[in-house]
Amino acid sequence: MKKQIIFLATALSILFVFTACNQGSVKTKLPTMKTEIDSLNYAFGLANGSDLRMMMAQDSDSVDYKVARFIAGIREGLSGKVSKYPELEQVGGQVGGWLAHQKESGLMGDSTLTLDFNLIKQGLINAILDKKVNLTSEQSQEYLNNVMTARQERRLESQYGEIKKEGENFLAENKTKENINTTESGLQYEVIRLGKGAKPTATDKVKVHYEGKLLNDTIFDSSYKRGEPIDFEVGQVIKGWTEALQLMPVGSKFKLYIPQDLAYGANENNPSIPPFSTLVFDVELLEILK
């Protein structure tokens, strides 16, 4: 998941810093969070408030004024009103409008997560004032990433669980067959032809011919069909390929059986490869490029 930034970079030049000794009526506090959704909303505010605090330029206006104007702009943006202020409320309005969109689509695009403006607001204020944050910006972002990734994987597993199970069953049976080698990572391979050349390292660039299939023998990619091999760096492909290529002397041809976690895992962006798919490749290592 990409980092969720709730403000426009081009608008930051017109913002003031939210740092001052006198906090006045602007209160920092640790809110009560009873559910995971509560924690996500608060962490979301903390992560983005820290970014705002770091990127704003300093001046002498009171922190009360700055925070109040910014929060007022967010409220107006959420309600669809036009901001009356040319500076802080303008940016707050942009943030509020963006939050209003998330109010419809769900926090960070997840329709099952309800946006809680009060918790986000408190996270923003605490982070901007750098008081009672209880999590750093990095920790907040890490928490958001971990929870959202886990939620996405659970959602996809409920939809594609049969594919994942099919792959696990296939690999469990396949590893018992003669001539199948299994590495510590779970990668399985069969040596079709063993070459006599050097083995590449993760930083080498290589030329290969290959064909990739799903377990039902559907071909999703093939350099053979395109009529020419491809070049790439060993360390810039899926984990299963990176590991396997370093086992292959130039001139070798291996058949690879790659578990989903060494392939594309829960990724659902490739229409030819369903999430959690175990993949089968025929790979020929033609040369190491200089």
Foldseek 3Di string as FASTA:
>chain_A
DDFDALFDPVQQAQAEALEDDDPPPLDADDDDDDDPLLLLLLLNLQLNLLVSNVRHYYDDDHNVVLLVLLCVLLVCLLVVHDDPDDGNSNRSNSSNVSVNVCQCCPVVNPNVRHHDVVSSSSSNSCNSHVHPNVAHSVRSRVVNVVVVVVVLLVVQCVVCVVQLVVLVVVLVVVCPDPQWDADPVGKIKHWPDADDAAQDAQAWKFWKWKWKAFPVRHTPDGVVVVPGTDIDGLNPAFQSSSVVSRVGGAQTKMKIWAFQVSHVACDPPDVSAHHRTTMIMTMHTHGTDD
